[in-house]
Amino acid sequence: MTATGLIATLCLLGTAQAHAQDTRMTLGAVAGTTGVGADLAWRFNDRLGVSARYTGGLEWNTDYSTDDVHYDGDVSLAASKLTLDYYPFAGGFFLSAGLMLPDIEADVVGRPRNSTYQFNGQEYPADALGTLNGTVTLADGIQPYAGVGWRQSHRSGFGVFAEVGVIPTDPDVSLRTSRGFEHEDNPLSAQLRQEIRQEEQRLENEAEKWPVYPVAVVGVSYTF
């Protein structure tokens, strides 16, 4: 048998098996801790399926203070997911494992808690530095995902959808002064750069207190 013939035979066998096992497609509209979006699932037998999801558009404002600086942040979240789903009881309950591409970050603006910035005992005039601007990233890039959920893909028609899971976080903080004081040719610039790096590390240490980010979504679905 030629390679082409073998591929054609495998395709026919796969198609026949799919029809024999009554495969189903489920489309859902969901909302949760990573935003709002859509969930698409293909259940190719009673106990196995694959699913993909995209959510985004979730934003809110928050604030946080260190010993030296008060920060205001605009948080934005979005995430894509591709998983293998296992239905142990051949019903709606499933276990899910795969990959997620999150984009969870905040644009931050920091201002001194007093009239001057104080880093490790060294004072810097607020008028000279301006504000501390930067980005705090909680999770970005491909991350492993594990979760459990309920999807009524075992029968046709409308149903409910719910899923909870976790992804690991990988915090990263980048700060700069709004007036570029740390780049100027002055005796304090090198020291200020070091102080800013230490402030970044303090923020990262705080973010690392959340080693995982909870993913929870609910919605409605239709199975074809």
N, C-alpha and C. Protein backbone atom coordinates (compact mmCIF):
# COMPACT_ATOMS: atom_id res chain seq x y z
N MET A 1 0.85 -1.19 0.00
CA MET A 1 0.00 0.00 0.00
C MET A 1 0.89 1.24 0.00
N THR A 2 0.55 2.19 -0.83
CA THR A 2 1.33 3.42 -0.90
C THR A 2 1.04 4.29 0.31
N ALA A 3 1.92 5.33 0.52
CA ALA A 3 1.72 6.25 1.64
C ALA A 3 0.39 6.98 1.50
N THR A 4 0.07 7.36 0.24
CA THR A 4 -1.20 8.06 0.01
C THR A 4 -2.38 7.18 0.35
N GLY A 5 -2.28 5.92 -0.05
CA GLY A 5 -3.36 4.99 0.25
C GLY A 5 -3.52 4.75 1.73
N LEU A 6 -2.39 4.68 2.47
CA LEU A 6 -2.44 4.48 3.91
C LEU A 6 -3.10 5.66 4.60
N ILE A 7 -2.73 6.88 4.18
CA ILE A 7 -3.33 8.08 4.77
C ILE A 7 -4.83 8.11 4.52
N ALA A 8 -5.23 7.75 3.27
CA ALA A 8 -6.65 7.75 2.94
C ALA A 8 -7.40 6.73 3.78
N THR A 9 -6.80 5.55 3.98
CA THR A 9 -7.44 4.51 4.77
C THR A 9 -7.62 4.95 6.21
N LEU A 10 -6.55 5.59 6.79
CA LEU A 10 -6.64 6.07 8.16
C LEU A 10 -7.72 7.14 8.31
N CYS A 11 -7.81 8.02 7.32
CA CYS A 11 -8.84 9.05 7.35
C CYS A 11 -10.24 8.44 7.34
N LEU A 12 -10.43 7.42 6.47
CA LEU A 12 -11.73 6.77 6.39
C LEU A 12 -12.07 6.06 7.69
N LEU A 13 -11.05 5.40 8.29
CA LEU A 13 -11.28 4.71 9.56
C LEU A 13 -11.62 5.71 10.66
N GLY A 14 -10.90 6.85 10.66
CA GLY A 14 -11.17 7.87 11.67
C GLY A 14 -12.57 8.44 11.52
N THR A 15 -12.98 8.66 10.25
CA THR A 15 -14.31 9.20 10.01
C THR A 15 -15.39 8.21 10.44
N ALA A 16 -15.17 6.94 10.11
CA ALA A 16 -16.13 5.91 10.48
C ALA A 16 -16.24 5.80 12.00
N GLN A 17 -15.07 5.85 12.68
CA GLN A 17 -15.09 5.76 14.14
C GLN A 17 -15.80 6.96 14.75
N ALA A 18 -15.57 8.15 14.17
CA ALA A 18 -16.21 9.35 14.69
C ALA A 18 -17.72 9.24 14.59
N HIS A 19 -18.21 8.74 13.43
CA HIS A 19 -19.65 8.60 13.27
C HIS A 19 -20.19 7.54 14.21
N ALA A 20 -19.42 6.46 14.41
CA ALA A 20 -19.88 5.38 15.27
C ALA A 20 -20.00 5.85 16.71
N GLN A 21 -19.16 6.75 17.12
CA GLN A 21 -19.16 7.21 18.50
C GLN A 21 -19.95 8.50 18.69
N ASP A 22 -20.64 8.93 17.65
CA ASP A 22 -21.53 10.08 17.75
C ASP A 22 -20.80 11.29 18.31
N THR A 23 -19.82 11.78 17.57
CA THR A 23 -19.05 12.94 18.01
C THR A 23 -19.95 14.17 18.08
N ARG A 24 -19.59 15.09 18.96
CA ARG A 24 -20.40 16.28 19.15
C ARG A 24 -19.50 17.52 19.25
N MET A 25 -20.02 18.62 18.74
CA MET A 25 -19.37 19.92 18.87
C MET A 25 -20.21 20.78 19.80
N THR A 26 -19.52 21.47 20.72
CA THR A 26 -20.21 22.34 21.67
C THR A 26 -19.62 23.73 21.60
N LEU A 27 -20.48 24.72 21.46
CA LEU A 27 -20.05 26.12 21.42
C LEU A 27 -20.66 26.83 22.62
N GLY A 28 -19.80 27.54 23.37
CA GLY A 28 -20.28 28.21 24.57
C GLY A 28 -19.85 29.66 24.65
N ALA A 29 -20.66 30.47 25.32
CA ALA A 29 -20.31 31.85 25.66
C ALA A 29 -20.03 31.88 27.15
N VAL A 30 -18.84 32.39 27.54
CA VAL A 30 -18.40 32.27 28.92
C VAL A 30 -17.90 33.61 29.45
N ALA A 31 -17.85 33.72 30.77
CA ALA A 31 -17.31 34.89 31.45
C ALA A 31 -16.70 34.43 32.76
N GLY A 32 -15.59 35.11 33.16
CA GLY A 32 -14.96 34.71 34.41
C GLY A 32 -13.75 35.55 34.74
N THR A 33 -12.79 34.94 35.42
CA THR A 33 -11.64 35.67 35.95
C THR A 33 -10.62 36.05 34.89
N THR A 34 -10.79 35.61 33.66
CA THR A 34 -9.91 36.04 32.58
C THR A 34 -10.66 36.84 31.52
N GLY A 35 -11.92 37.22 31.81
CA GLY A 35 -12.68 38.03 30.88
C GLY A 35 -13.88 37.30 30.31
N VAL A 36 -14.36 37.78 29.19
CA VAL A 36 -15.51 37.18 28.51
C VAL A 36 -15.05 36.69 27.13
N GLY A 37 -15.72 35.64 26.64
CA GLY A 37 -15.31 35.12 25.34
C GLY A 37 -16.09 33.88 24.96
N ALA A 38 -15.44 33.00 24.21
CA ALA A 38 -16.10 31.82 23.65
C ALA A 38 -15.30 30.56 23.95
N ASP A 39 -16.02 29.44 24.07
CA ASP A 39 -15.43 28.13 24.32
C ASP A 39 -15.94 27.17 23.25
N LEU A 40 -15.02 26.47 22.59
CA LEU A 40 -15.37 25.51 21.55
C LEU A 40 -14.80 24.15 21.92
N ALA A 41 -15.65 23.12 21.92
CA ALA A 41 -15.22 21.77 22.32
C ALA A 41 -15.64 20.74 21.29
N TRP A 42 -14.75 19.80 21.04
CA TRP A 42 -15.05 18.65 20.17
C TRP A 42 -14.91 17.39 21.01
N ARG A 43 -16.00 16.70 21.21
CA ARG A 43 -15.99 15.45 21.99
C ARG A 43 -16.03 14.30 21.01
N PHE A 44 -14.88 13.62 20.84
CA PHE A 44 -14.80 12.61 19.79
C PHE A 44 -15.10 11.21 20.28
N ASN A 45 -15.26 11.00 21.58
CA ASN A 45 -15.88 9.78 22.09
C ASN A 45 -16.46 10.07 23.46
N ASP A 46 -16.99 9.01 24.11
CA ASP A 46 -17.71 9.24 25.37
C ASP A 46 -16.83 9.87 26.44
N ARG A 47 -15.54 9.55 26.44
CA ARG A 47 -14.69 9.97 27.55
C ARG A 47 -13.57 10.95 27.17
N LEU A 48 -13.41 11.26 25.91
CA LEU A 48 -12.32 12.15 25.52
C LEU A 48 -12.80 13.25 24.57
N GLY A 49 -12.14 14.39 24.69
CA GLY A 49 -12.43 15.50 23.80
C GLY A 49 -11.32 16.52 23.87
N VAL A 50 -11.38 17.49 22.99
CA VAL A 50 -10.45 18.62 23.02
C VAL A 50 -11.27 19.90 23.01
N SER A 51 -10.70 20.95 23.60
CA SER A 51 -11.43 22.22 23.64
C SER A 51 -10.46 23.38 23.51
N ALA A 52 -10.98 24.49 23.03
CA ALA A 52 -10.22 25.72 22.90
C ALA A 52 -11.08 26.87 23.41
N ARG A 53 -10.44 27.86 24.01
CA ARG A 53 -11.19 28.98 24.55
C ARG A 53 -10.38 30.26 24.46
N TYR A 54 -11.08 31.37 24.24
CA TYR A 54 -10.47 32.69 24.33
C TYR A 54 -11.36 33.58 25.16
N THR A 55 -10.76 34.29 26.12
CA THR A 55 -11.46 35.28 26.91
C THR A 55 -10.59 36.52 27.03
N GLY A 56 -11.22 37.66 27.20
CA GLY A 56 -10.46 38.90 27.34
C GLY A 56 -11.39 40.05 27.67
N GLY A 57 -10.81 41.26 27.66
CA GLY A 57 -11.61 42.46 27.88
C GLY A 57 -11.89 42.80 29.33
N LEU A 58 -11.27 42.05 30.27
CA LEU A 58 -11.51 42.33 31.68
C LEU A 58 -10.47 43.34 32.17
N GLU A 59 -10.93 44.46 32.71
CA GLU A 59 -10.04 45.52 33.19
C GLU A 59 -10.58 46.09 34.49
N TRP A 60 -9.66 46.51 35.37
CA TRP A 60 -10.07 47.22 36.56
C TRP A 60 -8.89 48.02 37.10
N ASN A 61 -9.20 48.94 38.02
CA ASN A 61 -8.19 49.78 38.65
C ASN A 61 -7.89 49.27 40.05
N THR A 62 -6.63 49.36 40.46
CA THR A 62 -6.24 48.93 41.79
C THR A 62 -5.11 49.82 42.28
N ASP A 63 -4.74 49.66 43.54
CA ASP A 63 -3.62 50.42 44.08
C ASP A 63 -2.84 49.56 45.07
N TYR A 64 -1.59 49.95 45.27
CA TYR A 64 -0.70 49.21 46.17
C TYR A 64 0.40 50.15 46.64
N SER A 65 0.85 49.97 47.89
CA SER A 65 1.89 50.84 48.44
C SER A 65 3.04 50.01 49.01
N THR A 66 4.26 50.46 48.73
CA THR A 66 5.44 49.96 49.43
C THR A 66 5.78 50.97 50.51
N ASP A 67 6.91 50.77 51.16
CA ASP A 67 7.32 51.72 52.19
C ASP A 67 7.59 53.10 51.62
N ASP A 68 7.95 53.17 50.33
CA ASP A 68 8.38 54.43 49.73
C ASP A 68 7.41 55.03 48.73
N VAL A 69 6.63 54.18 48.05
CA VAL A 69 5.86 54.64 46.89
C VAL A 69 4.44 54.10 46.94
N HIS A 70 3.49 54.94 46.52
CA HIS A 70 2.10 54.51 46.34
C HIS A 70 1.83 54.35 44.85
N TYR A 71 1.33 53.18 44.45
CA TYR A 71 1.11 52.87 43.04
C TYR A 71 -0.38 52.77 42.73
N ASP A 72 -0.76 53.34 41.60
CA ASP A 72 -2.08 53.14 41.00
C ASP A 72 -1.88 52.30 39.74
N GLY A 73 -2.71 51.26 39.58
CA GLY A 73 -2.54 50.37 38.45
C GLY A 73 -3.81 50.14 37.66
N ASP A 74 -3.67 50.03 36.35
CA ASP A 74 -4.76 49.64 35.45
C ASP A 74 -4.48 48.21 34.99
N VAL A 75 -5.27 47.28 35.49
CA VAL A 75 -5.06 45.86 35.23
C VAL A 75 -5.87 45.43 34.01
N SER A 76 -5.26 44.64 33.14
CA SER A 76 -5.97 44.06 32.00
C SER A 76 -5.67 42.57 31.93
N LEU A 77 -6.69 41.78 31.54
CA LEU A 77 -6.55 40.33 31.48
C LEU A 77 -7.10 39.79 30.18
N ALA A 78 -6.42 38.78 29.66
CA ALA A 78 -6.90 38.02 28.50
C ALA A 78 -6.20 36.66 28.54
N ALA A 79 -6.80 35.66 27.92
CA ALA A 79 -6.18 34.33 27.94
C ALA A 79 -6.77 33.46 26.83
N SER A 80 -5.90 32.65 26.23
CA SER A 80 -6.31 31.61 25.29
C SER A 80 -5.96 30.26 25.88
N LYS A 81 -6.73 29.22 25.55
CA LYS A 81 -6.51 27.91 26.15
C LYS A 81 -6.76 26.80 25.14
N LEU A 82 -5.92 25.77 25.17
CA LEU A 82 -6.11 24.56 24.36
C LEU A 82 -5.85 23.36 25.27
N THR A 83 -6.86 22.49 25.43
CA THR A 83 -6.75 21.39 26.39
C THR A 83 -7.33 20.09 25.86
N LEU A 84 -6.87 19.01 26.50
CA LEU A 84 -7.48 17.70 26.34
C LEU A 84 -8.41 17.48 27.52
N ASP A 85 -9.65 17.09 27.25
CA ASP A 85 -10.66 16.93 28.30
C ASP A 85 -11.02 15.45 28.45
N TYR A 86 -11.04 15.00 29.71
CA TYR A 86 -11.35 13.61 30.02
C TYR A 86 -12.64 13.56 30.82
N TYR A 87 -13.63 12.81 30.31
CA TYR A 87 -14.94 12.67 30.96
C TYR A 87 -14.99 11.30 31.63
N PRO A 88 -14.63 11.18 32.90
CA PRO A 88 -14.48 9.86 33.53
C PRO A 88 -15.78 9.08 33.66
N PHE A 89 -16.92 9.77 33.70
CA PHE A 89 -18.19 9.09 33.88
C PHE A 89 -19.06 9.15 32.62
N ALA A 90 -18.44 9.59 31.50
CA ALA A 90 -19.13 9.67 30.21
C ALA A 90 -20.34 10.61 30.27
N GLY A 91 -20.32 11.55 31.22
CA GLY A 91 -21.40 12.51 31.33
C GLY A 91 -20.90 13.92 31.08
N GLY A 92 -21.30 14.86 31.94
CA GLY A 92 -20.90 16.24 31.75
C GLY A 92 -19.64 16.64 32.49
N PHE A 93 -19.32 15.93 33.57
CA PHE A 93 -18.13 16.27 34.37
C PHE A 93 -16.86 15.89 33.62
N PHE A 94 -15.86 16.79 33.64
CA PHE A 94 -14.61 16.50 32.94
C PHE A 94 -13.40 17.03 33.71
N LEU A 95 -12.26 16.39 33.47
CA LEU A 95 -10.95 16.85 33.92
C LEU A 95 -10.22 17.40 32.71
N SER A 96 -9.53 18.52 32.89
CA SER A 96 -8.92 19.22 31.76
C SER A 96 -7.45 19.49 32.03
N ALA A 97 -6.62 19.27 31.01
CA ALA A 97 -5.18 19.56 31.13
C ALA A 97 -4.66 19.99 29.77
N GLY A 98 -3.77 20.97 29.78
CA GLY A 98 -3.23 21.46 28.51
C GLY A 98 -2.42 22.71 28.70
N LEU A 99 -2.57 23.64 27.77
CA LEU A 99 -1.77 24.85 27.75
C LEU A 99 -2.66 26.09 27.72
N MET A 100 -2.18 27.14 28.39
CA MET A 100 -2.89 28.42 28.36
C MET A 100 -1.89 29.52 28.02
N LEU A 101 -2.35 30.47 27.24
CA LEU A 101 -1.54 31.64 26.89
C LEU A 101 -2.17 32.86 27.56
N PRO A 102 -1.76 33.18 28.80
CA PRO A 102 -2.36 34.32 29.50
C PRO A 102 -1.64 35.62 29.18
N ASP A 103 -2.35 36.70 29.36
CA ASP A 103 -1.78 38.05 29.27
C ASP A 103 -2.38 38.85 30.41
N ILE A 104 -1.73 38.77 31.57
CA ILE A 104 -2.23 39.40 32.78
C ILE A 104 -1.20 40.41 33.24
N GLU A 105 -1.50 41.70 33.09
CA GLU A 105 -0.53 42.72 33.45
C GLU A 105 -1.23 44.00 33.87
N ALA A 106 -0.45 44.88 34.49
CA ALA A 106 -0.97 46.17 34.95
C ALA A 106 0.00 47.28 34.57
N ASP A 107 -0.54 48.36 34.03
CA ASP A 107 0.24 49.58 33.83
C ASP A 107 0.16 50.39 35.12
N VAL A 108 1.31 50.69 35.72
CA VAL A 108 1.32 51.32 37.04
C VAL A 108 1.96 52.70 36.97
N VAL A 109 1.50 53.58 37.87
CA VAL A 109 2.07 54.90 38.07
C VAL A 109 2.30 55.06 39.57
N GLY A 110 3.57 55.31 39.95
CA GLY A 110 3.92 55.45 41.34
C GLY A 110 4.27 56.87 41.72
N ARG A 111 3.80 57.27 42.89
CA ARG A 111 4.10 58.61 43.42
C ARG A 111 4.61 58.47 44.85
N PRO A 112 5.48 59.39 45.28
CA PRO A 112 6.03 59.26 46.64
C PRO A 112 4.93 59.41 47.68
N ARG A 113 5.07 58.68 48.79
CA ARG A 113 4.09 58.76 49.85
C ARG A 113 4.21 60.07 50.63
N ASN A 114 5.38 60.71 50.51
CA ASN A 114 5.60 62.01 51.12
C ASN A 114 6.02 62.99 50.02
N SER A 115 6.72 64.04 50.39
CA SER A 115 7.11 65.05 49.40
C SER A 115 8.30 64.62 48.57
N THR A 116 9.02 63.59 49.01
CA THR A 116 10.19 63.10 48.28
C THR A 116 10.15 61.57 48.23
N TYR A 117 10.82 61.02 47.20
CA TYR A 117 11.04 59.58 47.17
C TYR A 117 12.17 59.25 48.14
N GLN A 118 12.00 58.18 48.89
CA GLN A 118 13.04 57.71 49.78
C GLN A 118 13.30 56.24 49.50
N PHE A 119 14.49 55.96 49.00
CA PHE A 119 14.89 54.59 48.73
C PHE A 119 16.12 54.28 49.59
N ASN A 120 15.94 53.35 50.54
CA ASN A 120 17.06 52.93 51.40
C ASN A 120 17.74 54.11 52.08
N GLY A 121 16.95 55.08 52.54
CA GLY A 121 17.50 56.22 53.25
C GLY A 121 17.95 57.36 52.37
N GLN A 122 18.02 57.15 51.06
CA GLN A 122 18.43 58.21 50.13
C GLN A 122 17.18 58.93 49.61
N GLU A 123 17.17 60.26 49.71
CA GLU A 123 16.03 61.04 49.26
C GLU A 123 16.25 61.55 47.84
N TYR A 124 15.15 61.53 47.06
CA TYR A 124 15.16 62.06 45.69
C TYR A 124 13.97 63.00 45.54
N PRO A 125 14.17 64.21 45.06
CA PRO A 125 13.05 65.15 44.94
C PRO A 125 12.02 64.68 43.92
N ALA A 126 10.76 64.76 44.31
CA ALA A 126 9.69 64.32 43.41
C ALA A 126 9.63 65.17 42.16
N ASP A 127 9.94 66.45 42.27
CA ASP A 127 9.89 67.34 41.10
C ASP A 127 10.92 66.92 40.06
N ALA A 128 12.05 66.40 40.52
CA ALA A 128 13.11 66.00 39.58
C ALA A 128 12.80 64.66 38.92
N LEU A 129 12.25 63.69 39.70
CA LEU A 129 12.00 62.36 39.16
C LEU A 129 10.67 62.27 38.42
N GLY A 130 9.70 63.06 38.82
CA GLY A 130 8.36 62.90 38.27
C GLY A 130 7.68 61.71 38.90
N THR A 131 7.06 60.86 38.10
CA THR A 131 6.41 59.65 38.60
C THR A 131 7.21 58.42 38.19
N LEU A 132 6.98 57.32 38.91
CA LEU A 132 7.53 56.03 38.51
C LEU A 132 6.50 55.33 37.64
N ASN A 133 6.83 55.14 36.39
CA ASN A 133 5.92 54.49 35.46
C ASN A 133 6.45 53.11 35.10
N GLY A 134 5.55 52.17 34.84
CA GLY A 134 6.04 50.85 34.45
C GLY A 134 4.93 49.85 34.25
N THR A 135 5.34 48.60 34.15
CA THR A 135 4.44 47.49 33.90
C THR A 135 4.72 46.37 34.89
N VAL A 136 3.65 45.85 35.47
CA VAL A 136 3.74 44.67 36.34
C VAL A 136 3.05 43.53 35.61
N THR A 137 3.81 42.51 35.24
CA THR A 137 3.26 41.36 34.53
C THR A 137 3.16 40.18 35.49
N LEU A 138 1.97 39.63 35.63
CA LEU A 138 1.77 38.50 36.52
C LEU A 138 1.93 37.17 35.78
N ALA A 139 1.44 37.09 34.57
CA ALA A 139 1.56 35.86 33.78
C ALA A 139 1.53 36.23 32.31
N ASP A 140 2.49 35.69 31.57
CA ASP A 140 2.59 35.97 30.14
C ASP A 140 3.33 34.80 29.50
N GLY A 141 3.02 34.51 28.25
CA GLY A 141 3.66 33.37 27.60
C GLY A 141 2.92 32.08 27.90
N ILE A 142 3.31 30.99 27.26
CA ILE A 142 2.62 29.71 27.39
C ILE A 142 2.85 29.12 28.77
N GLN A 143 1.75 28.73 29.44
CA GLN A 143 1.81 28.16 30.77
C GLN A 143 0.99 26.87 30.81
N PRO A 144 1.38 25.90 31.66
CA PRO A 144 0.55 24.70 31.83
C PRO A 144 -0.74 25.04 32.55
N TYR A 145 -1.78 24.28 32.24
CA TYR A 145 -3.10 24.52 32.83
C TYR A 145 -3.71 23.19 33.26
N ALA A 146 -4.40 23.21 34.41
CA ALA A 146 -5.15 22.05 34.87
C ALA A 146 -6.44 22.53 35.50
N GLY A 147 -7.53 21.81 35.24
CA GLY A 147 -8.80 22.24 35.79
C GLY A 147 -9.84 21.13 35.78
N VAL A 148 -11.01 21.43 36.32
CA VAL A 148 -12.17 20.54 36.32
C VAL A 148 -13.37 21.37 35.89
N GLY A 149 -14.38 20.68 35.33
CA GLY A 149 -15.53 21.45 34.88
C GLY A 149 -16.73 20.60 34.54
N TRP A 150 -17.74 21.28 34.02
CA TRP A 150 -18.99 20.64 33.59
C TRP A 150 -19.39 21.23 32.25
N ARG A 151 -19.55 20.36 31.27
CA ARG A 151 -19.97 20.78 29.93
C ARG A 151 -20.98 19.75 29.44
N GLN A 152 -22.16 20.19 29.04
CA GLN A 152 -23.20 19.25 28.63
C GLN A 152 -23.03 18.86 27.16
N SER A 153 -21.86 18.28 26.88
CA SER A 153 -21.57 17.86 25.51
C SER A 153 -21.97 16.42 25.25
N HIS A 154 -22.57 15.77 26.24
CA HIS A 154 -22.98 14.38 26.05
C HIS A 154 -24.39 14.27 25.46
N ARG A 155 -25.04 15.42 25.26
CA ARG A 155 -26.34 15.40 24.60
C ARG A 155 -26.56 16.72 23.87
N SER A 156 -27.37 16.68 22.85
CA SER A 156 -27.61 17.86 22.02
C SER A 156 -28.49 18.86 22.75
N GLY A 157 -28.34 20.14 22.31
CA GLY A 157 -29.18 21.18 22.84
C GLY A 157 -28.44 22.15 23.74
N PHE A 158 -29.21 23.05 24.37
CA PHE A 158 -28.63 24.05 25.25
C PHE A 158 -28.23 23.43 26.58
N GLY A 159 -27.22 24.02 27.20
CA GLY A 159 -26.76 23.55 28.50
C GLY A 159 -25.99 24.63 29.23
N VAL A 160 -25.50 24.29 30.40
CA VAL A 160 -24.69 25.20 31.19
C VAL A 160 -23.24 24.76 31.13
N PHE A 161 -22.36 25.70 31.40
CA PHE A 161 -20.93 25.42 31.36
C PHE A 161 -20.26 26.06 32.56
N ALA A 162 -19.34 25.32 33.18
CA ALA A 162 -18.57 25.87 34.30
C ALA A 162 -17.21 25.16 34.35
N GLU A 163 -16.18 25.92 34.70
CA GLU A 163 -14.84 25.33 34.81
C GLU A 163 -14.00 26.15 35.77
N VAL A 164 -13.20 25.47 36.58
CA VAL A 164 -12.24 26.12 37.46
C VAL A 164 -10.88 25.44 37.26
N GLY A 165 -9.82 26.24 37.34
CA GLY A 165 -8.48 25.69 37.17
C GLY A 165 -7.44 26.68 37.64
N VAL A 166 -6.18 26.36 37.40
CA VAL A 166 -5.08 27.23 37.82
C VAL A 166 -3.99 27.23 36.76
N ILE A 167 -3.25 28.33 36.72
CA ILE A 167 -2.03 28.43 35.94
C ILE A 167 -0.95 29.01 36.84
N PRO A 168 0.31 28.63 36.66
CA PRO A 168 1.38 29.24 37.46
C PRO A 168 1.63 30.68 37.01
N THR A 169 2.06 31.50 37.95
CA THR A 169 2.41 32.89 37.63
C THR A 169 3.93 33.01 37.46
N ASP A 170 4.34 34.05 36.78
CA ASP A 170 5.76 34.33 36.56
C ASP A 170 5.94 35.85 36.57
N PRO A 171 5.94 36.47 37.77
CA PRO A 171 5.92 37.93 37.87
C PRO A 171 7.16 38.58 37.28
N ASP A 172 6.94 39.74 36.66
CA ASP A 172 8.03 40.55 36.13
C ASP A 172 7.62 42.02 36.25
N VAL A 173 8.55 42.86 36.73
CA VAL A 173 8.26 44.27 36.96
C VAL A 173 9.30 45.12 36.24
N SER A 174 8.84 46.14 35.55
CA SER A 174 9.72 47.08 34.86
C SER A 174 9.29 48.50 35.22
N LEU A 175 10.22 49.30 35.80
CA LEU A 175 9.92 50.67 36.22
C LEU A 175 10.91 51.65 35.60
N ARG A 176 10.45 52.90 35.46
CA ARG A 176 11.29 53.99 34.97
C ARG A 176 10.71 55.29 35.50
N THR A 177 11.53 56.32 35.57
CA THR A 177 11.01 57.63 35.98
C THR A 177 10.45 58.35 34.76
N SER A 178 9.40 59.12 34.97
CA SER A 178 8.74 59.80 33.85
C SER A 178 9.63 60.86 33.22
N ARG A 179 10.61 61.37 33.96
CA ARG A 179 11.48 62.42 33.43
C ARG A 179 12.87 61.91 33.08
N GLY A 180 13.05 60.61 33.11
CA GLY A 180 14.33 60.04 32.70
C GLY A 180 15.51 60.45 33.56
N PHE A 181 15.25 60.74 34.83
CA PHE A 181 16.30 61.22 35.71
C PHE A 181 17.42 60.20 35.85
N GLU A 182 17.06 58.91 35.80
CA GLU A 182 18.08 57.87 36.00
C GLU A 182 19.03 57.76 34.81
N HIS A 183 18.69 58.40 33.68
CA HIS A 183 19.54 58.33 32.50
C HIS A 183 20.41 59.58 32.34
N GLU A 184 20.21 60.56 33.18
CA GLU A 184 20.97 61.79 33.04
C GLU A 184 22.40 61.62 33.54
N ASP A 185 23.27 62.48 33.06
CA ASP A 185 24.68 62.42 33.44
C ASP A 185 24.87 63.22 34.74
N ASN A 186 24.56 62.56 35.86
CA ASN A 186 24.74 63.19 37.16
C ASN A 186 25.16 62.13 38.17
N PRO A 187 25.76 62.52 39.28
CA PRO A 187 26.31 61.56 40.23
C PRO A 187 25.27 60.61 40.83
N LEU A 188 23.98 61.01 40.82
CA LEU A 188 22.97 60.18 41.45
C LEU A 188 22.34 59.16 40.50
N SER A 189 22.59 59.28 39.19
CA SER A 189 21.87 58.45 38.22
C SER A 189 22.17 56.97 38.41
N ALA A 190 23.46 56.61 38.60
CA ALA A 190 23.80 55.20 38.78
C ALA A 190 23.18 54.63 40.04
N GLN A 191 23.23 55.40 41.11
CA GLN A 191 22.64 54.94 42.36
C GLN A 191 21.12 54.82 42.23
N LEU A 192 20.50 55.78 41.53
CA LEU A 192 19.05 55.73 41.35
C LEU A 192 18.65 54.51 40.55
N ARG A 193 19.41 54.17 39.52
CA ARG A 193 19.09 52.96 38.74
C ARG A 193 19.10 51.74 39.65
N GLN A 194 20.06 51.68 40.55
CA GLN A 194 20.13 50.55 41.47
C GLN A 194 18.92 50.55 42.41
N GLU A 195 18.54 51.73 42.88
CA GLU A 195 17.39 51.82 43.76
C GLU A 195 16.11 51.38 43.05
N ILE A 196 15.98 51.77 41.78
CA ILE A 196 14.79 51.37 41.01
C ILE A 196 14.76 49.87 40.80
N ARG A 197 15.92 49.26 40.52
CA ARG A 197 15.97 47.81 40.37
C ARG A 197 15.55 47.12 41.68
N GLN A 198 15.95 47.68 42.81
CA GLN A 198 15.56 47.10 44.09
C GLN A 198 14.06 47.26 44.33
N GLU A 199 13.50 48.39 43.90
CA GLU A 199 12.06 48.59 44.01
C GLU A 199 11.31 47.59 43.13
N GLU A 200 11.82 47.33 41.94
CA GLU A 200 11.23 46.31 41.07
C GLU A 200 11.23 44.96 41.77
N GLN A 201 12.35 44.62 42.41
CA GLN A 201 12.46 43.34 43.08
C GLN A 201 11.47 43.23 44.24
N ARG A 202 11.27 44.34 44.97
CA ARG A 202 10.30 44.33 46.06
C ARG A 202 8.89 44.04 45.53
N LEU A 203 8.54 44.66 44.41
CA LEU A 203 7.22 44.41 43.83
C LEU A 203 7.10 42.97 43.33
N GLU A 204 8.16 42.45 42.73
CA GLU A 204 8.13 41.06 42.27
C GLU A 204 7.97 40.11 43.44
N ASN A 205 8.66 40.38 44.54
CA ASN A 205 8.53 39.52 45.72
C ASN A 205 7.11 39.50 46.24
N GLU A 206 6.45 40.66 46.20
CA GLU A 206 5.06 40.71 46.63
C GLU A 206 4.17 39.89 45.69
N ALA A 207 4.41 40.03 44.39
CA ALA A 207 3.59 39.30 43.41
C ALA A 207 3.80 37.80 43.52
N GLU A 208 5.00 37.37 43.92
CA GLU A 208 5.29 35.94 44.03
C GLU A 208 4.57 35.28 45.19
N LYS A 209 3.91 36.08 46.03
CA LYS A 209 3.07 35.49 47.07
C LYS A 209 1.84 34.81 46.48
N TRP A 210 1.58 35.07 45.18
CA TRP A 210 0.50 34.41 44.45
C TRP A 210 1.12 33.48 43.41
N PRO A 211 1.53 32.26 43.80
CA PRO A 211 2.24 31.38 42.86
C PRO A 211 1.37 30.86 41.72
N VAL A 212 0.04 30.90 41.89
CA VAL A 212 -0.86 30.47 40.82
C VAL A 212 -1.96 31.51 40.67
N TYR A 213 -2.52 31.59 39.47
CA TYR A 213 -3.66 32.46 39.22
C TYR A 213 -4.90 31.59 39.02
N PRO A 214 -5.99 31.87 39.75
CA PRO A 214 -7.19 31.06 39.61
C PRO A 214 -7.96 31.41 38.34
N VAL A 215 -8.33 30.40 37.61
CA VAL A 215 -9.14 30.56 36.40
C VAL A 215 -10.52 29.97 36.69
N ALA A 216 -11.55 30.78 36.59
CA ALA A 216 -12.92 30.31 36.83
C ALA A 216 -13.84 30.96 35.81
N VAL A 217 -14.61 30.16 35.10
CA VAL A 217 -15.55 30.69 34.10
C VAL A 217 -16.89 29.96 34.22
N VAL A 218 -17.95 30.66 33.87
CA VAL A 218 -19.29 30.07 33.78
C VAL A 218 -19.92 30.58 32.50
N GLY A 219 -20.92 29.86 32.02
CA GLY A 219 -21.57 30.32 30.79
C GLY A 219 -22.66 29.38 30.33
N VAL A 220 -23.10 29.62 29.13
CA VAL A 220 -24.11 28.78 28.49
C VAL A 220 -23.51 28.20 27.22
N SER A 221 -24.04 27.05 26.82
CA SER A 221 -23.49 26.37 25.64
C SER A 221 -24.60 25.72 24.82
N TYR A 222 -24.23 25.37 23.59
CA TYR A 222 -25.13 24.59 22.73
C TYR A 222 -24.33 23.50 22.07
N THR A 223 -24.83 22.29 22.17
CA THR A 223 -24.17 21.13 21.58
C THR A 223 -24.91 20.70 20.31
N PHE A 224 -24.16 20.55 19.23
CA PHE A 224 -24.74 20.18 17.94
C PHE A 224 -24.69 18.65 17.75
